[in-house]
Amino acid sequence: MQQFEIAHIREQGVDLIIIPLDTEFGDKDPGDQQTILITLQEAAKFAGLAGTVVPVWRVGNSHNFIAPKNWHPFFASLPYSRVVASLNKVLTIN
């Protein structure tokens, strides 16, 4: 069983499920990243959480993310410290 601290927020009228992941996530190939993203999205849906899952991970003094293109400006300007400060739930994957 894995547990992830998440930030389940509503931004600009849209539900988002932001999940900070280990920096190693960024080293995975894109196919593996997508598989993990799908697993997290399914787990969030199973847990009754509405919204789009957006994984974020540290890269040096900054961060990276996987989000729909229309959300790139928001996540590019979002300080990682705000992500951490917004953690408000735990998502469990069996």
PDB file of N, CA and C in Angstrom:
ATOM      1  N   MET A   1       0.845  -1.172   0.000  1.00  0.00           N
ATOM      2  CA  MET A   1       0.000   0.000   0.000  1.00  0.00           C
ATOM      3  C   MET A   1       0.896   1.243   0.000  1.00  0.00           C
ATOM      4  N   GLN A   2       0.593   2.160  -0.896  1.00  0.00           N
ATOM      5  CA  GLN A   2       1.326   3.421  -0.961  1.00  0.00           C
ATOM      6  C   GLN A   2       0.409   4.564  -0.560  1.00  0.00           C
ATOM      7  N   GLN A   3       0.971   5.549   0.112  1.00  0.00           N
ATOM      8  CA  GLN A   3       0.218   6.741   0.477  1.00  0.00           C
ATOM      9  C   GLN A   3       0.940   7.967  -0.044  1.00  0.00           C
ATOM     10  N   PHE A   4       0.154   8.901  -0.557  1.00  0.00           N
ATOM     11  CA  PHE A   4       0.673  10.140  -1.091  1.00  0.00           C
ATOM     12  C   PHE A   4      -0.051  11.303  -0.449  1.00  0.00           C
ATOM     13  N   GLU A   5       0.700  12.270   0.060  1.00  0.00           N
ATOM     14  CA  GLU A   5       0.082  13.516   0.500  1.00  0.00           C
ATOM     15  C   GLU A   5      -0.266  14.294  -0.761  1.00  0.00           C
ATOM     16  N   ILE A   6      -1.472  14.850  -0.803  1.00  0.00           N
ATOM     17  CA  ILE A   6      -1.927  15.555  -1.991  1.00  0.00           C
ATOM     18  C   ILE A   6      -2.519  16.910  -1.623  1.00  0.00           C
ATOM     19  N   ALA A   7      -2.576  17.763  -2.614  1.00  0.00           N
ATOM     20  CA  ALA A   7      -3.271  19.042  -2.472  1.00  0.00           C
ATOM     21  C   ALA A   7      -4.494  18.965  -3.380  1.00  0.00           C
ATOM     22  N   HIS A   8      -5.658  18.817  -2.785  1.00  0.00           N
ATOM     23  CA  HIS A   8      -6.912  18.798  -3.548  1.00  0.00           C
ATOM     24  C   HIS A   8      -7.471  20.206  -3.482  1.00  0.00           C
ATOM     25  N   ILE A   9      -7.330  20.933  -4.585  1.00  0.00           N
ATOM     26  CA  ILE A   9      -7.697  22.349  -4.589  1.00  0.00           C
ATOM     27  C   ILE A   9      -8.658  22.647  -5.724  1.00  0.00           C
ATOM     28  N   ARG A  10      -9.287  23.792  -5.626  1.00  0.00           N
ATOM     29  CA  ARG A  10     -10.131  24.301  -6.703  1.00  0.00           C
ATOM     30  C   ARG A  10      -9.504  25.615  -7.155  1.00  0.00           C
ATOM     31  N   GLU A  11      -9.097  25.661  -8.412  1.00  0.00           N
ATOM     32  CA  GLU A  11      -8.421  26.830  -8.980  1.00  0.00           C
ATOM     33  C   GLU A  11      -9.150  27.240 -10.252  1.00  0.00           C
ATOM     34  N   GLN A  12      -9.527  28.494 -10.323  1.00  0.00           N
ATOM     35  CA  GLN A  12     -10.227  29.035 -11.486  1.00  0.00           C
ATOM     36  C   GLN A  12     -11.451  28.176 -11.837  1.00  0.00           C
ATOM     37  N   GLY A  13     -12.135  27.685 -10.798  1.00  0.00           N
ATOM     38  CA  GLY A  13     -13.347  26.892 -10.979  1.00  0.00           C
ATOM     39  C   GLY A  13     -13.113  25.449 -11.372  1.00  0.00           C
ATOM     40  N   VAL A  14     -11.861  24.982 -11.307  1.00  0.00           N
ATOM     41  CA  VAL A  14     -11.516  23.622 -11.715  1.00  0.00           C
ATOM     42  C   VAL A  14     -10.875  22.884 -10.546  1.00  0.00           C
ATOM     43  N   ASP A  15     -11.301  21.641 -10.327  1.00  0.00           N
ATOM     44  CA  ASP A  15     -10.704  20.805  -9.290  1.00  0.00           C
ATOM     45  C   ASP A  15      -9.390  20.222  -9.790  1.00  0.00           C
ATOM     46  N   LEU A  16      -8.357  20.349  -8.972  1.00  0.00           N
ATOM     47  CA  LEU A  16      -7.042  19.797  -9.282  1.00  0.00           C
ATOM     48  C   LEU A  16      -6.562  18.953  -8.110  1.00  0.00           C
ATOM     49  N   ILE A  17      -5.892  17.869  -8.431  1.00  0.00           N
ATOM     50  CA  ILE A  17      -5.306  16.986  -7.427  1.00  0.00           C
ATOM     51  C   ILE A  17      -3.807  17.003  -7.683  1.00  0.00           C
ATOM     52  N   ILE A  18      -3.105  17.802  -6.903  1.00  0.00           N
ATOM     53  CA  ILE A  18      -1.669  17.985  -7.104  1.00  0.00           C
ATOM     54  C   ILE A  18      -0.934  17.013  -6.194  1.00  0.00           C
ATOM     55  N   ILE A  19      -0.055  16.204  -6.803  1.00  0.00           N
ATOM     56  CA  ILE A  19       0.629  15.163  -6.051  1.00  0.00           C
ATOM     57  C   ILE A  19       2.139  15.343  -6.176  1.00  0.00           C
ATOM     58  N   PRO A  20       2.787  15.790  -5.104  1.00  0.00           N
ATOM     59  CA  PRO A  20       4.253  15.859  -5.130  1.00  0.00           C
ATOM     60  C   PRO A  20       4.846  14.451  -5.146  1.00  0.00           C
ATOM     61  N   LEU A  21       5.759  14.206  -6.066  1.00  0.00           N
ATOM     62  CA  LEU A  21       6.420  12.906  -6.174  1.00  0.00           C
ATOM     63  C   LEU A  21       7.918  13.082  -5.968  1.00  0.00           C
ATOM     64  N   ASP A  22       8.605  11.962  -5.731  1.00  0.00           N
ATOM     65  CA  ASP A  22      10.058  11.992  -5.570  1.00  0.00           C
ATOM     66  C   ASP A  22      10.721  12.500  -6.843  1.00  0.00           C
ATOM     67  N   THR A  23      11.899  13.068  -6.696  1.00  0.00           N
ATOM     68  CA  THR A  23      12.623  13.593  -7.853  1.00  0.00           C
ATOM     69  C   THR A  23      12.905  12.511  -8.888  1.00  0.00           C
ATOM     70  N   GLU A  24      12.983  11.262  -8.476  1.00  0.00           N
ATOM     71  CA  GLU A  24      13.251  10.155  -9.392  1.00  0.00           C
ATOM     72  C   GLU A  24      12.154   9.999 -10.446  1.00  0.00           C
ATOM     73  N   PHE A  25      10.963  10.509 -10.148  1.00  0.00           N
ATOM     74  CA  PHE A  25       9.871  10.448 -11.126  1.00  0.00           C
ATOM     75  C   PHE A  25      10.296  11.120 -12.433  1.00  0.00           C
ATOM     76  N   GLY A  26      11.039  12.210 -12.335  1.00  0.00           N
ATOM     77  CA  GLY A  26      11.494  12.928 -13.517  1.00  0.00           C
ATOM     78  C   GLY A  26      12.495  12.158 -14.349  1.00  0.00           C
ATOM     79  N   ASP A  27      13.137  11.149 -13.761  1.00  0.00           N
ATOM     80  CA  ASP A  27      14.122  10.338 -14.471  1.00  0.00           C
ATOM     81  C   ASP A  27      13.489   9.175 -15.231  1.00  0.00           C
ATOM     82  N   LYS A  28      12.214   8.910 -14.977  1.00  0.00           N
ATOM     83  CA  LYS A  28      11.536   7.800 -15.648  1.00  0.00           C
ATOM     84  C   LYS A  28      11.223   8.180 -17.092  1.00  0.00           C
ATOM     85  N   ASP A  29      11.101   7.160 -17.944  1.00  0.00           N
ATOM     86  CA  ASP A  29      10.751   7.474 -19.325  1.00  0.00           C
ATOM     87  C   ASP A  29       9.285   7.900 -19.386  1.00  0.00           C
ATOM     88  N   PRO A  30       8.910   8.659 -20.412  1.00  0.00           N
ATOM     89  CA  PRO A  30       7.550   9.206 -20.496  1.00  0.00           C
ATOM     90  C   PRO A  30       6.448   8.151 -20.416  1.00  0.00           C
ATOM     91  N   GLY A  31       6.689   6.961 -20.946  1.00  0.00           N
ATOM     92  CA  GLY A  31       5.682   5.899 -20.862  1.00  0.00           C
ATOM     93  C   GLY A  31       5.420   5.474 -19.428  1.00  0.00           C
ATOM     94  N   ASP A  32       6.499   5.324 -18.658  1.00  0.00           N
ATOM     95  CA  ASP A  32       6.354   4.965 -17.244  1.00  0.00           C
ATOM     96  C   ASP A  32       5.682   6.087 -16.467  1.00  0.00           C
ATOM     97  N   GLN A  33       6.030   7.327 -16.782  1.00  0.00           N
ATOM     98  CA  GLN A  33       5.378   8.460 -16.129  1.00  0.00           C
ATOM     99  C   GLN A  33       3.874   8.446 -16.401  1.00  0.00           C
ATOM    100  N   GLN A  34       3.483   8.169 -17.632  1.00  0.00           N
ATOM    101  CA  GLN A  34       2.056   8.136 -17.968  1.00  0.00           C
ATOM    102  C   GLN A  34       1.342   6.998 -17.252  1.00  0.00           C
ATOM    103  N   THR A  35       2.003   5.843 -17.137  1.00  0.00           N
ATOM    104  CA  THR A  35       1.406   4.718 -16.411  1.00  0.00           C
ATOM    105  C   THR A  35       1.155   5.090 -14.953  1.00  0.00           C
ATOM    106  N   ILE A  36       2.124   5.743 -14.335  1.00  0.00           N
ATOM    107  CA  ILE A  36       1.975   6.185 -12.944  1.00  0.00           C
ATOM    108  C   ILE A  36       0.865   7.218 -12.845  1.00  0.00           C
ATOM    109  N   LEU A  37       0.824   8.154 -13.773  1.00  0.00           N
ATOM    110  CA  LEU A  37      -0.222   9.186 -13.779  1.00  0.00           C
ATOM    111  C   LEU A  37      -1.612   8.551 -13.883  1.00  0.00           C
ATOM    112  N   ILE A  38      -1.772   7.590 -14.754  1.00  0.00           N
ATOM    113  CA  ILE A  38      -3.065   6.905 -14.909  1.00  0.00           C
ATOM    114  C   ILE A  38      -3.442   6.180 -13.619  1.00  0.00           C
ATOM    115  N   THR A  39      -2.481   5.521 -13.000  1.00  0.00           N
ATOM    116  CA  THR A  39      -2.739   4.822 -11.730  1.00  0.00           C
ATOM    117  C   THR A  39      -3.188   5.802 -10.658  1.00  0.00           C
ATOM    118  N   LEU A  40      -2.520   6.945 -10.573  1.00  0.00           N
ATOM    119  CA  LEU A  40      -2.893   7.954  -9.582  1.00  0.00           C
ATOM    120  C   LEU A  40      -4.279   8.525  -9.877  1.00  0.00           C
ATOM    121  N   GLN A  41      -4.588   8.773 -11.149  1.00  0.00           N
ATOM    122  CA  GLN A  41      -5.906   9.316 -11.518  1.00  0.00           C
ATOM    123  C   GLN A  41      -7.007   8.327 -11.160  1.00  0.00           C
ATOM    124  N   GLU A  42      -6.771   7.033 -11.441  1.00  0.00           N
ATOM    125  CA  GLU A  42      -7.761   6.003 -11.097  1.00  0.00           C
ATOM    126  C   GLU A  42      -7.943   5.889  -9.585  1.00  0.00           C
ATOM    127  N   ALA A  43      -6.858   5.974  -8.835  1.00  0.00           N
ATOM    128  CA  ALA A  43      -6.946   5.900  -7.377  1.00  0.00           C
ATOM    129  C   ALA A  43      -7.717   7.090  -6.825  1.00  0.00           C
ATOM    130  N   ALA A  44      -7.481   8.273  -7.395  1.00  0.00           N
ATOM    131  CA  ALA A  44      -8.204   9.466  -6.941  1.00  0.00           C
ATOM    132  C   ALA A  44      -9.695   9.320  -7.222  1.00  0.00           C
ATOM    133  N   LYS A  45     -10.026   8.820  -8.399  1.00  0.00           N
ATOM    134  CA  LYS A  45     -11.443   8.615  -8.742  1.00  0.00           C
ATOM    135  C   LYS A  45     -12.079   7.597  -7.797  1.00  0.00           C
ATOM    136  N   PHE A  46     -11.373   6.500  -7.530  1.00  0.00           N
ATOM    137  CA  PHE A  46     -11.860   5.467  -6.620  1.00  0.00           C
ATOM    138  C   PHE A  46     -12.084   6.029  -5.217  1.00  0.00           C
ATOM    139  N   ALA A  47     -11.244   6.985  -4.824  1.00  0.00           N
ATOM    140  CA  ALA A  47     -11.353   7.612  -3.497  1.00  0.00           C
ATOM    141  C   ALA A  47     -12.438   8.686  -3.458  1.00  0.00           C
ATOM    142  N   GLY A  48     -13.082   8.936  -4.600  1.00  0.00           N
ATOM    143  CA  GLY A  48     -14.152   9.930  -4.641  1.00  0.00           C
ATOM    144  C   GLY A  48     -13.670  11.358  -4.807  1.00  0.00           C
ATOM    145  N   LEU A  49     -12.435  11.523  -5.264  1.00  0.00           N
ATOM    146  CA  LEU A  49     -11.881  12.863  -5.457  1.00  0.00           C
ATOM    147  C   LEU A  49     -12.091  13.305  -6.900  1.00  0.00           C
ATOM    148  N   ALA A  50     -12.736  14.432  -7.061  1.00  0.00           N
ATOM    149  CA  ALA A  50     -12.943  14.978  -8.404  1.00  0.00           C
ATOM    150  C   ALA A  50     -11.730  15.803  -8.796  1.00  0.00           C
ATOM    151  N   GLY A  51     -11.383  15.752 -10.062  1.00  0.00           N
ATOM    152  CA  GLY A  51     -10.326  16.624 -10.553  1.00  0.00           C
ATOM    153  C   GLY A  51      -9.274  15.904 -11.360  1.00  0.00           C
ATOM    154  N   THR A  52      -8.427  16.698 -11.950  1.00  0.00           N
ATOM    155  CA  THR A  52      -7.319  16.218 -12.760  1.00  0.00           C
ATOM    156  C   THR A  52      -6.087  16.063 -11.890  1.00  0.00           C
ATOM    157  N   VAL A  53      -5.461  14.896 -11.951  1.00  0.00           N
ATOM    158  CA  VAL A  53      -4.227  14.655 -11.211  1.00  0.00           C
ATOM    159  C   VAL A  53      -3.071  15.325 -11.940  1.00  0.00           C
ATOM    160  N   VAL A  54      -2.282  16.072 -11.177  1.00  0.00           N
ATOM    161  CA  VAL A  54      -1.088  16.730 -11.712  1.00  0.00           C
ATOM    162  C   VAL A  54       0.097  16.362 -10.817  1.00  0.00           C
ATOM    163  N   PRO A  55       0.973  15.473 -11.303  1.00  0.00           N
ATOM    164  CA  PRO A  55       2.172  15.180 -10.525  1.00  0.00           C
ATOM    165  C   PRO A  55       3.178  16.325 -10.651  1.00  0.00           C
ATOM    166  N   VAL A  56       3.823  16.637  -9.543  1.00  0.00           N
ATOM    167  CA  VAL A  56       4.900  17.642  -9.537  1.00  0.00           C
ATOM    168  C   VAL A  56       6.098  17.035  -8.820  1.00  0.00           C
ATOM    169  N   TRP A  57       7.293  17.431  -9.229  1.00  0.00           N
ATOM    170  CA  TRP A  57       8.487  16.929  -8.586  1.00  0.00           C
ATOM    171  C   TRP A  57       9.579  17.977  -8.656  1.00  0.00           C
ATOM    172  N   ARG A  58      10.460  17.923  -7.671  1.00  0.00           N
ATOM    173  CA  ARG A  58      11.550  18.881  -7.572  1.00  0.00           C
ATOM    174  C   ARG A  58      12.593  18.620  -8.651  1.00  0.00           C
ATOM    175  N   VAL A  59      13.128  19.702  -9.190  1.00  0.00           N
ATOM    176  CA  VAL A  59      14.250  19.671 -10.130  1.00  0.00           C
ATOM    177  C   VAL A  59      15.172  20.804  -9.696  1.00  0.00           C
ATOM    178  N   GLY A  60      16.207  20.452  -8.953  1.00  0.00           N
ATOM    179  CA  GLY A  60      17.092  21.485  -8.423  1.00  0.00           C
ATOM    180  C   GLY A  60      16.322  22.417  -7.504  1.00  0.00           C
ATOM    181  N   ASN A  61      16.411  23.714  -7.775  1.00  0.00           N
ATOM    182  CA  ASN A  61      15.692  24.709  -6.973  1.00  0.00           C
ATOM    183  C   ASN A  61      14.304  25.000  -7.513  1.00  0.00           C
ATOM    184  N   SER A  62      13.885  24.274  -8.524  1.00  0.00           N
ATOM    185  CA  SER A  62      12.585  24.505  -9.153  1.00  0.00           C
ATOM    186  C   SER A  62      11.765  23.221  -9.088  1.00  0.00           C
ATOM    187  N   HIS A  63      10.807  23.112  -9.984  1.00  0.00           N
ATOM    188  CA  HIS A  63       9.990  21.907 -10.062  1.00  0.00           C
ATOM    189  C   HIS A  63       9.520  21.699 -11.500  1.00  0.00           C
ATOM    190  N   ASN A  64       9.049  20.500 -11.757  1.00  0.00           N
ATOM    191  CA  ASN A  64       8.463  20.171 -13.044  1.00  0.00           C
ATOM    192  C   ASN A  64       7.116  19.535 -12.774  1.00  0.00           C
ATOM    193  N   PHE A  65       6.328  19.336 -13.816  1.00  0.00           N
ATOM    194  CA  PHE A  65       4.959  18.846 -13.640  1.00  0.00           C
ATOM    195  C   PHE A  65       4.473  18.232 -14.946  1.00  0.00           C
ATOM    196  N   ILE A  66       3.394  17.461 -14.829  1.00  0.00           N
ATOM    197  CA  ILE A  66       2.662  16.983 -16.003  1.00  0.00           C
ATOM    198  C   ILE A  66       1.235  17.466 -15.820  1.00  0.00           C
ATOM    199  N   ALA A  67       0.821  18.360 -16.704  1.00  0.00           N
ATOM    200  CA  ALA A  67      -0.515  18.960 -16.612  1.00  0.00           C
ATOM    201  C   ALA A  67      -1.023  19.236 -18.024  1.00  0.00           C
ATOM    202  N   PRO A  68      -2.349  19.358 -18.162  1.00  0.00           N
ATOM    203  CA  PRO A  68      -2.888  19.767 -19.460  1.00  0.00           C
ATOM    204  C   PRO A  68      -2.250  21.093 -19.894  1.00  0.00           C
ATOM    205  N   LYS A  69      -2.036  21.245 -21.196  1.00  0.00           N
ATOM    206  CA  LYS A  69      -1.337  22.434 -21.726  1.00  0.00           C
ATOM    207  C   LYS A  69      -1.925  23.749 -21.234  1.00  0.00           C
ATOM    208  N   ASN A  70      -3.255  23.824 -21.133  1.00  0.00           N
ATOM    209  CA  ASN A  70      -3.859  25.084 -20.704  1.00  0.00           C
ATOM    210  C   ASN A  70      -3.509  25.435 -19.255  1.00  0.00           C
ATOM    211  N   TRP A  71      -2.980  24.491 -18.492  1.00  0.00           N
ATOM    212  CA  TRP A  71      -2.582  24.737 -17.108  1.00  0.00           C
ATOM    213  C   TRP A  71      -1.082  24.982 -16.952  1.00  0.00           C
ATOM    214  N   HIS A  72      -0.324  24.897 -18.030  1.00  0.00           N
ATOM    215  CA  HIS A  72       1.127  25.098 -17.934  1.00  0.00           C
ATOM    216  C   HIS A  72       1.503  26.457 -17.347  1.00  0.00           C
ATOM    217  N   PRO A  73       0.893  27.567 -17.781  1.00  0.00           N
ATOM    218  CA  PRO A  73       1.273  28.852 -17.174  1.00  0.00           C
ATOM    219  C   PRO A  73       1.039  28.882 -15.659  1.00  0.00           C
ATOM    220  N   PHE A  74      -0.068  28.312 -15.211  1.00  0.00           N
ATOM    221  CA  PHE A  74      -0.365  28.286 -13.775  1.00  0.00           C
ATOM    222  C   PHE A  74       0.698  27.502 -13.019  1.00  0.00           C
ATOM    223  N   PHE A  75       0.996  26.279 -13.466  1.00  0.00           N
ATOM    224  CA  PHE A  75       1.949  25.445 -12.744  1.00  0.00           C
ATOM    225  C   PHE A  75       3.380  25.947 -12.879  1.00  0.00           C
ATOM    226  N   ALA A  76       3.705  26.575 -13.996  1.00  0.00           N
ATOM    227  CA  ALA A  76       5.049  27.130 -14.161  1.00  0.00           C
ATOM    228  C   ALA A  76       5.290  28.283 -13.185  1.00  0.00           C
ATOM    229  N   SER A  77       4.227  28.996 -12.835  1.00  0.00           N
ATOM    230  CA  SER A  77       4.385  30.128 -11.913  1.00  0.00           C
ATOM    231  C   SER A  77       4.090  29.758 -10.457  1.00  0.00           C
ATOM    232  N   LEU A  78       3.650  28.545 -10.217  1.00  0.00           N
ATOM    233  CA  LEU A  78       3.287  28.091  -8.873  1.00  0.00           C
ATOM    234  C   LEU A  78       4.547  27.707  -8.096  1.00  0.00           C
ATOM    235  N   PRO A  79       4.845  28.401  -7.019  1.00  0.00           N
ATOM    236  CA  PRO A  79       6.018  28.016  -6.224  1.00  0.00           C
ATOM    237  C   PRO A  79       5.813  26.638  -5.586  1.00  0.00           C
ATOM    238  N   TYR A  80       6.854  25.836  -5.575  1.00  0.00           N
ATOM    239  CA  TYR A  80       6.759  24.516  -4.975  1.00  0.00           C
ATOM    240  C   TYR A  80       6.355  24.616  -3.506  1.00  0.00           C
ATOM    241  N   SER A  81       6.799  25.671  -2.854  1.00  0.00           N
ATOM    242  CA  SER A  81       6.439  25.864  -1.444  1.00  0.00           C
ATOM    243  C   SER A  81       4.930  26.002  -1.267  1.00  0.00           C
ATOM    244  N   ARG A  82       4.243  26.572  -2.260  1.00  0.00           N
ATOM    245  CA  ARG A  82       2.785  26.676  -2.183  1.00  0.00           C
ATOM    246  C   ARG A  82       2.133  25.313  -2.338  1.00  0.00           C
ATOM    247  N   VAL A  83       2.718  24.470  -3.179  1.00  0.00           N
ATOM    248  CA  VAL A  83       2.201  23.098  -3.310  1.00  0.00           C
ATOM    249  C   VAL A  83       2.264  22.416  -1.953  1.00  0.00           C
ATOM    250  N   VAL A  84       3.429  22.475  -1.322  1.00  0.00           N
ATOM    251  CA  VAL A  84       3.618  21.822  -0.023  1.00  0.00           C
ATOM    252  C   VAL A  84       2.676  22.415   1.024  1.00  0.00           C
ATOM    253  N   ALA A  85       2.501  23.722   1.015  1.00  0.00           N
ATOM    254  CA  ALA A  85       1.619  24.375   1.985  1.00  0.00           C
ATOM    255  C   ALA A  85       0.153  24.017   1.755  1.00  0.00           C
ATOM    256  N   SER A  86      -0.182  23.560   0.551  1.00  0.00           N
ATOM    257  CA  SER A  86      -1.569  23.237   0.214  1.00  0.00           C
ATOM    258  C   SER A  86      -1.931  21.775   0.450  1.00  0.00           C
ATOM    259  N   LEU A  87      -0.973  20.960   0.872  1.00  0.00           N
ATOM    260  CA  LEU A  87      -1.264  19.534   1.102  1.00  0.00           C
ATOM    261  C   LEU A  87      -2.363  19.427   2.152  1.00  0.00           C
ATOM    262  N   ASN A  88      -3.446  18.726   1.776  1.00  0.00           N
ATOM    263  CA  ASN A  88      -4.594  18.676   2.676  1.00  0.00           C
ATOM    264  C   ASN A  88      -5.283  17.315   2.762  1.00  0.00           C
ATOM    265  N   LYS A  89      -4.775  16.325   2.032  1.00  0.00           N
ATOM    266  CA  LYS A  89      -5.383  14.992   2.065  1.00  0.00           C
ATOM    267  C   LYS A  89      -4.299  13.952   1.819  1.00  0.00           C
ATOM    268  N   VAL A  90      -4.681  12.688   2.030  1.00  0.00           N
ATOM    269  CA  VAL A  90      -3.797  11.567   1.741  1.00  0.00           C
ATOM    270  C   VAL A  90      -4.528  10.640   0.774  1.00  0.00           C
ATOM    271  N   LEU A  91      -3.833  10.271  -0.286  1.00  0.00           N
ATOM    272  CA  LEU A  91      -4.365   9.328  -1.271  1.00  0.00           C
ATOM    273  C   LEU A  91      -3.659   7.995  -1.069  1.00  0.00           C
ATOM    274  N   THR A  92      -4.457   6.935  -0.893  1.00  0.00           N
ATOM    275  CA  THR A  92      -3.907   5.603  -0.672  1.00  0.00           C
ATOM    276  C   THR A  92      -4.146   4.729  -1.891  1.00  0.00           C
ATOM    277  N   ILE A  93      -3.099   4.042  -2.304  1.00  0.00           N
ATOM    278  CA  ILE A  93      -3.204   3.091  -3.416  1.00  0.00           C
ATOM    279  C   ILE A  93      -2.907   1.715  -2.851  1.00  0.00           C
ATOM    280  N   ASN A  94      -3.855   0.812  -3.029  1.00  0.00           N
ATOM    281  CA  ASN A  94      -3.684  -0.571  -2.522  1.00  0.00           C
ATOM    282  C   ASN A  94      -2.905  -1.411  -3.499  1.00  0.00           C
TER     283      ASN A  94
END
